[in-house]
Each structure stands twice: as C-alpha cells, then as structure tokens.
C-alpha cells in the first residue's frame, strides 16, 4: 500500500472525496464516456477529465490537481488517449485501504 498518510491527505478534501464517490458508478454520475478512446482500446469505467471538471464545477487546473493527488496516493488510475486523459478508481488499492482501516485502526 502507498504511504497511508498520503492516502488520508488525499481523502481529506471534500471535493477529492466526491470525485472518488462519483467514480464508483460513472455510468450514473457522468454522460456516456469513451468518445476519445480509439476503437479496439479499452479503459473500462473511466471518465474524461473534462466531464469530471464540469460536474465538479471547478477549473481544469484545480480538477487536474485533485486528480493528480488522488492518483499519486494510488487511489486512481489514468490512461491518456491523444490529448484526452481518462481516470478510474483503483479498486484494488481501495479494497486494501478498507482492509487496513478495518484491521489496523
């Protein structure tokens, strides 16, 4: 697991926590995605930065900073397709975090 302090720092912001909650069910929280993903490629359950930015009602730079912090903490995965970056939850890291909280705290 990544540094637990970095994980909790990433989760300590309401907007970053909201992003993780929205990405739990992207189909219900965002418009259809994948328009910029080339045919034959796949990055399931991912959302484009622009859609997250719009829903968050924040600037692109602020949204990118939030996403970067969540990714550096290991809670998000990203993949770039041309000039578009898509993000999704890192479910294995989140499961490990849940286990840590349940067993260690």
PDB file of N, CA and C in Angstrom:
ATOM      1  N   UNK A   1       0.854  -1.173   0.000  1.00  0.00           N
ATOM      2  CA  UNK A   1       0.000   0.000   0.000  1.00  0.00           C
ATOM      3  C   UNK A   1       0.900   1.236   0.000  1.00  0.00           C
ATOM      4  N   UNK A   2       0.463   2.251  -0.724  1.00  0.00           N
ATOM      5  CA  UNK A   2       1.184   3.529  -0.724  1.00  0.00           C
ATOM      6  C   UNK A   2       1.203   4.068   0.699  1.00  0.00           C
ATOM      7  N   UNK A   3       1.953   5.133   0.905  1.00  0.00           N
ATOM      8  CA  UNK A   3       2.043   5.754   2.222  1.00  0.00           C
ATOM      9  C   UNK A   3       0.645   6.114   2.719  1.00  0.00           C
ATOM     10  N   UNK A   4       0.259   5.548   3.834  1.00  0.00           N
ATOM     11  CA  UNK A   4      -1.091   5.736   4.364  1.00  0.00           C
ATOM     12  C   UNK A   4      -1.375   7.205   4.672  1.00  0.00           C
ATOM     13  N   UNK A   5      -0.354   7.950   5.069  1.00  0.00           N
ATOM     14  CA  UNK A   5      -0.542   9.379   5.349  1.00  0.00           C
ATOM     15  C   UNK A   5      -0.925  10.113   4.065  1.00  0.00           C
ATOM     16  N   UNK A   6      -0.268   9.775   2.943  1.00  0.00           N
ATOM     17  CA  UNK A   6      -0.605  10.405   1.666  1.00  0.00           C
ATOM     18  C   UNK A   6      -2.027  10.061   1.238  1.00  0.00           C
ATOM     19  N   UNK A   7      -2.438   8.849   1.513  1.00  0.00           N
ATOM     20  CA  UNK A   7      -3.803   8.436   1.175  1.00  0.00           C
ATOM     21  C   UNK A   7      -4.809   9.252   1.974  1.00  0.00           C
ATOM     22  N   UNK A   8      -4.587   9.369   3.267  1.00  0.00           N
ATOM     23  CA  UNK A   8      -5.527  10.134   4.087  1.00  0.00           C
ATOM     24  C   UNK A   8      -5.495  11.623   3.752  1.00  0.00           C
ATOM     25  N   UNK A   9      -4.340  12.144   3.354  1.00  0.00           N
ATOM     26  CA  UNK A   9      -4.274  13.537   2.901  1.00  0.00           C
ATOM     27  C   UNK A   9      -5.142  13.723   1.661  1.00  0.00           C
ATOM     28  N   UNK A  10      -5.040  12.782   0.727  1.00  0.00           N
ATOM     29  CA  UNK A  10      -5.833  12.868  -0.499  1.00  0.00           C
ATOM     30  C   UNK A  10      -7.328  12.800  -0.198  1.00  0.00           C
ATOM     31  N   UNK A  11      -7.695  12.025   0.805  1.00  0.00           N
ATOM     32  CA  UNK A  11      -9.108  11.867   1.161  1.00  0.00           C
ATOM     33  C   UNK A  11      -9.628  12.989   2.056  1.00  0.00           C
ATOM     34  N   UNK A  12      -8.747  13.861   2.518  1.00  0.00           N
ATOM     35  CA  UNK A  12      -9.156  14.884   3.488  1.00  0.00           C
ATOM     36  C   UNK A  12      -9.821  16.098   2.854  1.00  0.00           C
ATOM     37  N   UNK A  13      -9.970  16.096   1.547  1.00  0.00           N
ATOM     38  CA  UNK A  13     -10.615  17.198   0.845  1.00  0.00           C
ATOM     39  C   UNK A  13     -11.978  16.733   0.342  1.00  0.00           C
ATOM     40  N   UNK A  14     -13.008  17.507   0.637  1.00  0.00           N
ATOM     41  CA  UNK A  14     -14.377  17.120   0.276  1.00  0.00           C
ATOM     42  C   UNK A  14     -14.540  16.897  -1.227  1.00  0.00           C
ATOM     43  N   UNK A  15     -13.925  17.733  -2.037  1.00  0.00           N
ATOM     44  CA  UNK A  15     -14.056  17.613  -3.498  1.00  0.00           C
ATOM     45  C   UNK A  15     -13.362  16.350  -4.008  1.00  0.00           C
ATOM     46  N   UNK A  16     -12.189  16.045  -3.480  1.00  0.00           N
ATOM     47  CA  UNK A  16     -11.491  14.824  -3.904  1.00  0.00           C
ATOM     48  C   UNK A  16     -12.278  13.588  -3.483  1.00  0.00           C
ATOM     49  N   UNK A  17     -12.841  13.626  -2.307  1.00  0.00           N
ATOM     50  CA  UNK A  17     -13.672  12.513  -1.850  1.00  0.00           C
ATOM     51  C   UNK A  17     -14.900  12.368  -2.744  1.00  0.00           C
ATOM     52  N   UNK A  18     -15.483  13.494  -3.149  1.00  0.00           N
ATOM     53  CA  UNK A  18     -16.648  13.472  -4.040  1.00  0.00           C
ATOM     54  C   UNK A  18     -16.290  12.834  -5.383  1.00  0.00           C
ATOM     55  N   UNK A  19     -15.119  13.158  -5.908  1.00  0.00           N
ATOM     56  CA  UNK A  19     -14.683  12.555  -7.171  1.00  0.00           C
ATOM     57  C   UNK A  19     -14.630  11.033  -7.040  1.00  0.00           C
ATOM     58  N   UNK A  20     -14.046  10.539  -5.958  1.00  0.00           N
ATOM     59  CA  UNK A  20     -13.988   9.086  -5.743  1.00  0.00           C
ATOM     60  C   UNK A  20     -15.380   8.480  -5.652  1.00  0.00           C
ATOM     61  N   UNK A  21     -16.288   9.173  -5.000  1.00  0.00           N
ATOM     62  CA  UNK A  21     -17.661   8.672  -4.884  1.00  0.00           C
ATOM     63  C   UNK A  21     -18.332   8.628  -6.257  1.00  0.00           C
ATOM     64  N   UNK A  22     -18.183   9.671  -7.047  1.00  0.00           N
ATOM     65  CA  UNK A  22     -18.771   9.687  -8.389  1.00  0.00           C
ATOM     66  C   UNK A  22     -18.206   8.578  -9.257  1.00  0.00           C
ATOM     67  N   UNK A  23     -16.893   8.353  -9.156  1.00  0.00           N
ATOM     68  CA  UNK A  23     -16.254   7.337  -9.993  1.00  0.00           C
ATOM     69  C   UNK A  23     -16.605   5.914  -9.564  1.00  0.00           C
ATOM     70  N   UNK A  24     -17.250   5.778  -8.435  1.00  0.00           N
ATOM     71  CA  UNK A  24     -17.704   4.445  -8.011  1.00  0.00           C
ATOM     72  C   UNK A  24     -18.748   3.910  -8.987  1.00  0.00           C
ATOM     73  N   UNK A  25     -19.558   4.818  -9.537  1.00  0.00           N
ATOM     74  CA  UNK A  25     -20.579   4.440 -10.515  1.00  0.00           C
ATOM     75  C   UNK A  25     -20.606   5.487 -11.628  1.00  0.00           C
ATOM     76  N   UNK A  26     -19.607   5.456 -12.514  1.00  0.00           N
ATOM     77  CA  UNK A  26     -19.509   6.502 -13.526  1.00  0.00           C
ATOM     78  C   UNK A  26     -20.705   6.576 -14.469  1.00  0.00           C
ATOM     79  N   UNK A  27     -21.334   5.454 -14.771  1.00  0.00           N
ATOM     80  CA  UNK A  27     -22.470   5.461 -15.695  1.00  0.00           C
ATOM     81  C   UNK A  27     -23.647   6.253 -15.140  1.00  0.00           C
ATOM     82  N   UNK A  28     -23.806   6.277 -13.823  1.00  0.00           N
ATOM     83  CA  UNK A  28     -24.897   7.023 -13.195  1.00  0.00           C
ATOM     84  C   UNK A  28     -24.547   8.481 -12.947  1.00  0.00           C
ATOM     85  N   UNK A  29     -23.273   8.803 -12.890  1.00  0.00           N
ATOM     86  CA  UNK A  29     -22.851  10.142 -12.493  1.00  0.00           C
ATOM     87  C   UNK A  29     -22.311  11.019 -13.616  1.00  0.00           C
ATOM     88  N   UNK A  30     -22.042  10.423 -14.779  1.00  0.00           N
ATOM     89  CA  UNK A  30     -21.458  11.177 -15.886  1.00  0.00           C
ATOM     90  C   UNK A  30     -22.148  10.793 -17.190  1.00  0.00           C
ATOM     91  N   UNK A  31     -22.070  11.680 -18.191  1.00  0.00           N
ATOM     92  CA  UNK A  31     -22.595  11.304 -19.508  1.00  0.00           C
ATOM     93  C   UNK A  31     -21.768  10.159 -20.093  1.00  0.00           C
ATOM     94  N   UNK A  32     -22.264   9.519 -21.153  1.00  0.00           N
ATOM     95  CA  UNK A  32     -21.503   8.424 -21.769  1.00  0.00           C
ATOM     96  C   UNK A  32     -20.071   8.856 -22.088  1.00  0.00           C
ATOM     97  N   UNK A  33     -19.131   7.967 -21.830  1.00  0.00           N
ATOM     98  CA  UNK A  33     -17.707   8.256 -21.993  1.00  0.00           C
ATOM     99  C   UNK A  33     -17.115   7.419 -23.122  1.00  0.00           C
ATOM    100  N   UNK A  34     -15.873   7.703 -23.432  1.00  0.00           N
ATOM    101  CA  UNK A  34     -15.128   6.882 -24.375  1.00  0.00           C
ATOM    102  C   UNK A  34     -15.076   7.413 -25.786  1.00  0.00           C
ATOM    103  N   UNK A  35     -15.605   8.612 -26.019  1.00  0.00           N
ATOM    104  CA  UNK A  35     -15.610   9.154 -27.374  1.00  0.00           C
ATOM    105  C   UNK A  35     -14.205   9.354 -27.930  1.00  0.00           C
ATOM    106  N   UNK A  36     -13.231   9.552 -27.060  1.00  0.00           N
ATOM    107  CA  UNK A  36     -11.863   9.822 -27.493  1.00  0.00           C
ATOM    108  C   UNK A  36     -10.973   8.587 -27.413  1.00  0.00           C
ATOM    109  N   UNK A  37     -11.542   7.464 -27.008  1.00  0.00           N
ATOM    110  CA  UNK A  37     -10.767   6.229 -26.898  1.00  0.00           C
ATOM    111  C   UNK A  37     -10.823   5.516 -28.246  1.00  0.00           C
ATOM    112  N   UNK A  38      -9.673   5.257 -28.851  1.00  0.00           N
ATOM    113  CA  UNK A  38      -9.659   4.604 -30.162  1.00  0.00           C
ATOM    114  C   UNK A  38     -10.343   3.240 -30.125  1.00  0.00           C
ATOM    115  N   UNK A  39     -10.978   2.908 -31.242  1.00  0.00           N
ATOM    116  CA  UNK A  39     -11.640   1.609 -31.344  1.00  0.00           C
ATOM    117  C   UNK A  39     -10.609   0.508 -31.130  1.00  0.00           C
ATOM    118  N   UNK A  40     -10.967  -0.460 -30.336  1.00  0.00           N
ATOM    119  CA  UNK A  40     -10.065  -1.557 -30.018  1.00  0.00           C
ATOM    120  C   UNK A  40      -9.334  -1.368 -28.703  1.00  0.00           C
ATOM    121  N   UNK A  41      -9.244  -0.115 -28.238  1.00  0.00           N
ATOM    122  CA  UNK A  41      -8.661   0.157 -26.922  1.00  0.00           C
ATOM    123  C   UNK A  41      -9.777   0.159 -25.894  1.00  0.00           C
ATOM    124  N   UNK A  42      -9.417  -0.007 -24.650  1.00  0.00           N
ATOM    125  CA  UNK A  42     -10.420  -0.024 -23.592  1.00  0.00           C
ATOM    126  C   UNK A  42      -9.813   0.482 -22.294  1.00  0.00           C
ATOM    127  N   UNK A  43     -10.603   1.224 -21.555  1.00  0.00           N
ATOM    128  CA  UNK A  43     -10.235   1.645 -20.203  1.00  0.00           C
ATOM    129  C   UNK A  43     -11.561   1.737 -19.453  1.00  0.00           C
ATOM    130  N   UNK A  44     -12.105   0.573 -19.113  1.00  0.00           N
ATOM    131  CA  UNK A  44     -13.453   0.448 -18.563  1.00  0.00           C
ATOM    132  C   UNK A  44     -13.671   1.308 -17.329  1.00  0.00           C
ATOM    133  N   UNK A  45     -14.905   1.792 -17.198  1.00  0.00           N
ATOM    134  CA  UNK A  45     -15.341   2.577 -16.037  1.00  0.00           C
ATOM    135  C   UNK A  45     -14.500   3.828 -15.821  1.00  0.00           C
ATOM    136  N   UNK A  46     -14.001   4.398 -16.898  1.00  0.00           N
ATOM    137  CA  UNK A  46     -13.183   5.602 -16.784  1.00  0.00           C
ATOM    138  C   UNK A  46     -13.965   6.819 -17.261  1.00  0.00           C
ATOM    139  N   UNK A  47     -13.523   7.979 -16.796  1.00  0.00           N
ATOM    140  CA  UNK A  47     -14.196   9.240 -17.111  1.00  0.00           C
ATOM    141  C   UNK A  47     -13.147  10.255 -17.537  1.00  0.00           C
ATOM    142  N   UNK A  48     -13.465  11.007 -18.573  1.00  0.00           N
ATOM    143  CA  UNK A  48     -12.582  12.044 -19.092  1.00  0.00           C
ATOM    144  C   UNK A  48     -12.491  13.207 -18.099  1.00  0.00           C
ATOM    145  N   UNK A  49     -11.316  13.807 -18.012  1.00  0.00           N
ATOM    146  CA  UNK A  49     -11.096  14.937 -17.104  1.00  0.00           C
ATOM    147  C   UNK A  49     -12.142  16.023 -17.319  1.00  0.00           C
ATOM    148  N   UNK A  50     -12.481  16.307 -18.567  1.00  0.00           N
ATOM    149  CA  UNK A  50     -13.448  17.366 -18.856  1.00  0.00           C
ATOM    150  C   UNK A  50     -14.797  17.121 -18.208  1.00  0.00           C
ATOM    151  N   UNK A  51     -15.250  15.880 -18.194  1.00  0.00           N
ATOM    152  CA  UNK A  51     -16.533  15.550 -17.564  1.00  0.00           C
ATOM    153  C   UNK A  51     -16.466  15.714 -16.052  1.00  0.00           C
ATOM    154  N   UNK A  52     -15.344  15.326 -15.467  1.00  0.00           N
ATOM    155  CA  UNK A  52     -15.166  15.488 -14.020  1.00  0.00           C
ATOM    156  C   UNK A  52     -15.129  16.970 -13.679  1.00  0.00           C
ATOM    157  N   UNK A  53     -14.405  17.729 -14.470  1.00  0.00           N
ATOM    158  CA  UNK A  53     -14.273  19.174 -14.278  1.00  0.00           C
ATOM    159  C   UNK A  53     -15.652  19.846 -14.317  1.00  0.00           C
ATOM    160  N   UNK A  54     -16.451  19.471 -15.294  1.00  0.00           N
ATOM    161  CA  UNK A  54     -17.790  20.049 -15.446  1.00  0.00           C
ATOM    162  C   UNK A  54     -18.678  19.722 -14.249  1.00  0.00           C
ATOM    163  N   UNK A  55     -18.685  18.479 -13.831  1.00  0.00           N
ATOM    164  CA  UNK A  55     -19.530  18.074 -12.703  1.00  0.00           C
ATOM    165  C   UNK A  55     -19.051  18.703 -11.397  1.00  0.00           C
ATOM    166  N   UNK A  56     -17.757  18.846 -11.252  1.00  0.00           N
ATOM    167  CA  UNK A  56     -17.175  19.418 -10.048  1.00  0.00           C
ATOM    168  C   UNK A  56     -17.374  20.935  -9.986  1.00  0.00           C
ATOM    169  N   UNK A  57     -17.660  21.526 -11.157  1.00  0.00           N
ATOM    170  CA  UNK A  57     -17.795  22.981 -11.286  1.00  0.00           C
ATOM    171  C   UNK A  57     -16.524  23.677 -10.802  1.00  0.00           C
ATOM    172  N   UNK A  58     -15.394  23.158 -11.273  1.00  0.00           N
ATOM    173  CA  UNK A  58     -14.084  23.703 -10.918  1.00  0.00           C
ATOM    174  C   UNK A  58     -13.278  23.887 -12.201  1.00  0.00           C
ATOM    175  N   UNK A  59     -12.231  24.671 -12.111  1.00  0.00           N
ATOM    176  CA  UNK A  59     -11.375  24.898 -13.276  1.00  0.00           C
ATOM    177  C   UNK A  59     -10.634  23.613 -13.642  1.00  0.00           C
ATOM    178  N   UNK A  60     -10.145  23.587 -14.872  1.00  0.00           N
ATOM    179  CA  UNK A  60      -9.374  22.431 -15.340  1.00  0.00           C
ATOM    180  C   UNK A  60      -8.135  22.230 -14.470  1.00  0.00           C
ATOM    181  N   UNK A  61      -7.457  23.319 -14.112  1.00  0.00           N
ATOM    182  CA  UNK A  61      -6.227  23.182 -13.321  1.00  0.00           C
ATOM    183  C   UNK A  61      -6.517  22.657 -11.918  1.00  0.00           C
ATOM    184  N   UNK A  62      -7.597  23.133 -11.295  1.00  0.00           N
ATOM    185  CA  UNK A  62      -7.966  22.649  -9.961  1.00  0.00           C
ATOM    186  C   UNK A  62      -8.349  21.176 -10.017  1.00  0.00           C
ATOM    187  N   UNK A  63      -9.163  20.825 -11.002  1.00  0.00           N
ATOM    188  CA  UNK A  63      -9.587  19.434 -11.156  1.00  0.00           C
ATOM    189  C   UNK A  63      -8.383  18.534 -11.405  1.00  0.00           C
ATOM    190  N   UNK A  64      -7.490  18.960 -12.275  1.00  0.00           N
ATOM    191  CA  UNK A  64      -6.289  18.168 -12.564  1.00  0.00           C
ATOM    192  C   UNK A  64      -5.427  17.990 -11.321  1.00  0.00           C
ATOM    193  N   UNK A  65      -5.337  19.032 -10.507  1.00  0.00           N
ATOM    194  CA  UNK A  65      -4.576  18.930  -9.254  1.00  0.00           C
ATOM    195  C   UNK A  65      -5.211  17.890  -8.325  1.00  0.00           C
ATOM    196  N   UNK A  66      -6.536  17.925  -8.190  1.00  0.00           N
ATOM    197  CA  UNK A  66      -7.236  16.947  -7.347  1.00  0.00           C
ATOM    198  C   UNK A  66      -6.999  15.528  -7.860  1.00  0.00           C
ATOM    199  N   UNK A  67      -7.136  15.341  -9.176  1.00  0.00           N
ATOM    200  CA  UNK A  67      -6.958  14.018  -9.762  1.00  0.00           C
ATOM    201  C   UNK A  67      -5.522  13.530  -9.596  1.00  0.00           C
ATOM    202  N   UNK A  68      -4.567  14.425  -9.765  1.00  0.00           N
ATOM    203  CA  UNK A  68      -3.161  14.063  -9.592  1.00  0.00           C
ATOM    204  C   UNK A  68      -2.885  13.614  -8.161  1.00  0.00           C
ATOM    205  N   UNK A  69      -3.438  14.320  -7.206  1.00  0.00           N
ATOM    206  CA  UNK A  69      -3.217  13.958  -5.803  1.00  0.00           C
ATOM    207  C   UNK A  69      -3.814  12.577  -5.499  1.00  0.00           C
ATOM    208  N   UNK A  70      -5.006  12.310  -6.017  1.00  0.00           N
ATOM    209  CA  UNK A  70      -5.631  11.000  -5.819  1.00  0.00           C
ATOM    210  C   UNK A  70      -4.830   9.901  -6.514  1.00  0.00           C
ATOM    211  N   UNK A  71      -4.295  10.215  -7.679  1.00  0.00           N
ATOM    212  CA  UNK A  71      -3.501   9.218  -8.399  1.00  0.00           C
ATOM    213  C   UNK A  71      -2.176   8.960  -7.689  1.00  0.00           C
ATOM    214  N   UNK A  72      -1.501  10.005  -7.223  1.00  0.00           N
ATOM    215  CA  UNK A  72      -0.238   9.820  -6.508  1.00  0.00           C
ATOM    216  C   UNK A  72      -0.434   9.016  -5.226  1.00  0.00           C
ATOM    217  N   UNK A  73      -1.617   9.120  -4.632  1.00  0.00           N
ATOM    218  CA  UNK A  73      -1.929   8.330  -3.440  1.00  0.00           C
ATOM    219  C   UNK A  73      -2.276   6.884  -3.803  1.00  0.00           C
ATOM    220  N   UNK A  74      -2.395   6.611  -5.096  1.00  0.00           N
ATOM    221  CA  UNK A  74      -2.693   5.258  -5.554  1.00  0.00           C
ATOM    222  C   UNK A  74      -4.171   4.937  -5.639  1.00  0.00           C
ATOM    223  N   UNK A  75      -5.035   5.938  -5.453  1.00  0.00           N
ATOM    224  CA  UNK A  75      -6.476   5.697  -5.414  1.00  0.00           C
ATOM    225  C   UNK A  75      -7.135   5.762  -6.786  1.00  0.00           C
ATOM    226  N   UNK A  76      -6.455   6.362  -7.762  1.00  0.00           N
ATOM    227  CA  UNK A  76      -6.964   6.446  -9.130  1.00  0.00           C
ATOM    228  C   UNK A  76      -5.925   5.909 -10.098  1.00  0.00           C
ATOM    229  N   UNK A  77      -6.414   5.444 -11.232  1.00  0.00           N
ATOM    230  CA  UNK A  77      -5.572   5.054 -12.359  1.00  0.00           C
ATOM    231  C   UNK A  77      -5.933   5.981 -13.511  1.00  0.00           C
ATOM    232  N   UNK A  78      -4.989   6.241 -14.391  1.00  0.00           N
ATOM    233  CA  UNK A  78      -5.292   7.080 -15.548  1.00  0.00           C
ATOM    234  C   UNK A  78      -4.690   6.479 -16.803  1.00  0.00           C
ATOM    235  N   UNK A  79      -5.279   6.872 -17.926  1.00  0.00           N
ATOM    236  CA  UNK A  79      -4.733   6.490 -19.221  1.00  0.00           C
ATOM    237  C   UNK A  79      -5.007   7.630 -20.184  1.00  0.00           C
ATOM    238  N   UNK A  80      -4.005   7.927 -20.989  1.00  0.00           N
ATOM    239  CA  UNK A  80      -4.103   9.022 -21.946  1.00  0.00           C
ATOM    240  C   UNK A  80      -4.392   8.460 -23.333  1.00  0.00           C
ATOM    241  N   UNK A  81      -5.320   9.104 -24.023  1.00  0.00           N
ATOM    242  CA  UNK A  81      -5.650   8.775 -25.405  1.00  0.00           C
ATOM    243  C   UNK A  81      -5.547  10.071 -26.196  1.00  0.00           C
ATOM    244  N   UNK A  82      -4.443  10.258 -26.903  1.00  0.00           N
ATOM    245  CA  UNK A  82      -4.209  11.529 -27.596  1.00  0.00           C
ATOM    246  C   UNK A  82      -4.081  12.639 -26.572  1.00  0.00           C
ATOM    247  N   UNK A  83      -4.902  13.672 -26.713  1.00  0.00           N
ATOM    248  CA  UNK A  83      -4.849  14.779 -25.750  1.00  0.00           C
ATOM    249  C   UNK A  83      -5.843  14.603 -24.606  1.00  0.00           C
ATOM    250  N   UNK A  84      -6.534  13.482 -24.558  1.00  0.00           N
ATOM    251  CA  UNK A  84      -7.565  13.232 -23.550  1.00  0.00           C
ATOM    252  C   UNK A  84      -7.049  12.257 -22.494  1.00  0.00           C
ATOM    253  N   UNK A  85      -7.289  12.572 -21.238  1.00  0.00           N
ATOM    254  CA  UNK A  85      -6.908  11.679 -20.142  1.00  0.00           C
ATOM    255  C   UNK A  85      -8.164  11.206 -19.436  1.00  0.00           C
ATOM    256  N   UNK A  86      -8.229   9.901 -19.220  1.00  0.00           N
ATOM    257  CA  UNK A  86      -9.357   9.274 -18.539  1.00  0.00           C
ATOM    258  C   UNK A  86      -8.887   8.729 -17.194  1.00  0.00           C
ATOM    259  N   UNK A  87      -9.760   8.816 -16.208  1.00  0.00           N
ATOM    260  CA  UNK A  87      -9.454   8.340 -14.856  1.00  0.00           C
ATOM    261  C   UNK A  87     -10.504   7.334 -14.410  1.00  0.00           C
ATOM    262  N   UNK A  88     -10.056   6.396 -13.586  1.00  0.00           N
ATOM    263  CA  UNK A  88     -10.967   5.462 -12.924  1.00  0.00           C
ATOM    264  C   UNK A  88     -10.388   5.119 -11.562  1.00  0.00           C
ATOM    265  N   UNK A  89     -11.252   4.575 -10.713  1.00  0.00           N
ATOM    266  CA  UNK A  89     -10.827   4.176  -9.369  1.00  0.00           C
ATOM    267  C   UNK A  89      -9.878   2.981  -9.452  1.00  0.00           C
ATOM    268  N   UNK A  90      -8.932   2.947  -8.554  1.00  0.00           N
ATOM    269  CA  UNK A  90      -8.054   1.791  -8.402  1.00  0.00           C
ATOM    270  C   UNK A  90      -8.701   0.924  -7.321  1.00  0.00           C
ATOM    271  N   UNK A  91      -9.566   0.029  -7.756  1.00  0.00           N
ATOM    272  CA  UNK A  91     -10.374  -0.754  -6.815  1.00  0.00           C
ATOM    273  C   UNK A  91      -9.523  -1.625  -5.897  1.00  0.00           C
ATOM    274  N   UNK A  92      -8.409  -2.144  -6.389  1.00  0.00           N
ATOM    275  CA  UNK A  92      -7.581  -2.981  -5.514  1.00  0.00           C
ATOM    276  C   UNK A  92      -6.959  -2.146  -4.397  1.00  0.00           C
ATOM    277  N   UNK A  93      -6.543  -0.924  -4.699  1.00  0.00           N
ATOM    278  CA  UNK A  93      -5.986  -0.048  -3.658  1.00  0.00           C
ATOM    279  C   UNK A  93      -7.062   0.356  -2.657  1.00  0.00           C
ATOM    280  N   UNK A  94      -8.268   0.608  -3.141  1.00  0.00           N
ATOM    281  CA  UNK A  94      -9.363   0.979  -2.237  1.00  0.00           C
ATOM    282  C   UNK A  94      -9.757  -0.197  -1.343  1.00  0.00           C
ATOM    283  N   UNK A  95      -9.720  -1.410  -1.889  1.00  0.00           N
ATOM    284  CA  UNK A  95     -10.012  -2.595  -1.075  1.00  0.00           C
ATOM    285  C   UNK A  95      -8.936  -2.791  -0.010  1.00  0.00           C
ATOM    286  N   UNK A  96      -7.688  -2.538  -0.385  1.00  0.00           N
ATOM    287  CA  UNK A  96      -6.592  -2.654   0.577  1.00  0.00           C
ATOM    288  C   UNK A  96      -6.725  -1.598   1.675  1.00  0.00           C
ATOM    289  N   UNK A  97      -7.147  -0.397   1.297  1.00  0.00           N
ATOM    290  CA  UNK A  97      -7.371   0.664   2.282  1.00  0.00           C
ATOM    291  C   UNK A  97      -8.492   0.265   3.242  1.00  0.00           C
ATOM    292  N   UNK A  98      -9.575  -0.279   2.708  1.00  0.00           N
ATOM    293  CA  UNK A  98     -10.690  -0.716   3.558  1.00  0.00           C
ATOM    294  C   UNK A  98     -10.231  -1.805   4.531  1.00  0.00           C
ATOM    295  N   UNK A  99      -9.412  -2.726   4.036  1.00  0.00           N
ATOM    296  CA  UNK A  99      -8.882  -3.772   4.903  1.00  0.00           C
ATOM    297  C   UNK A  99      -8.012  -3.162   5.998  1.00  0.00           C
ATOM    298  N   UNK A 100      -7.152  -2.222   5.639  1.00  0.00           N
ATOM    299  CA  UNK A 100      -6.276  -1.568   6.608  1.00  0.00           C
ATOM    300  C   UNK A 100      -7.092  -0.875   7.693  1.00  0.00           C
ATOM    301  N   UNK A 101      -8.094  -0.125   7.279  1.00  0.00           N
ATOM    302  CA  UNK A 101      -8.927   0.598   8.251  1.00  0.00           C
ATOM    303  C   UNK A 101      -9.654  -0.391   9.157  1.00  0.00           C
ATOM    304  N   UNK A 102     -10.180  -1.471   8.568  1.00  0.00           N
ATOM    305  CA  UNK A 102     -10.920  -2.451   9.352  1.00  0.00           C
ATOM    306  C   UNK A 102     -10.070  -3.252  10.319  1.00  0.00           C
ATOM    307  N   UNK A 103      -8.828  -3.518   9.939  1.00  0.00           N
ATOM    308  CA  UNK A 103      -7.985  -4.386  10.760  1.00  0.00           C
ATOM    309  C   UNK A 103      -6.962  -3.646  11.609  1.00  0.00           C
ATOM    310  N   UNK A 104      -6.506  -2.506  11.145  1.00  0.00           N
ATOM    311  CA  UNK A 104      -5.393  -1.834  11.808  1.00  0.00           C
ATOM    312  C   UNK A 104      -5.806  -0.648  12.671  1.00  0.00           C
ATOM    313  N   UNK A 105      -6.916  -0.027  12.349  1.00  0.00           N
ATOM    314  CA  UNK A 105      -7.313   1.161  13.123  1.00  0.00           C
ATOM    315  C   UNK A 105      -8.357   0.826  14.164  1.00  0.00           C
TER     316      UNK A 105
END
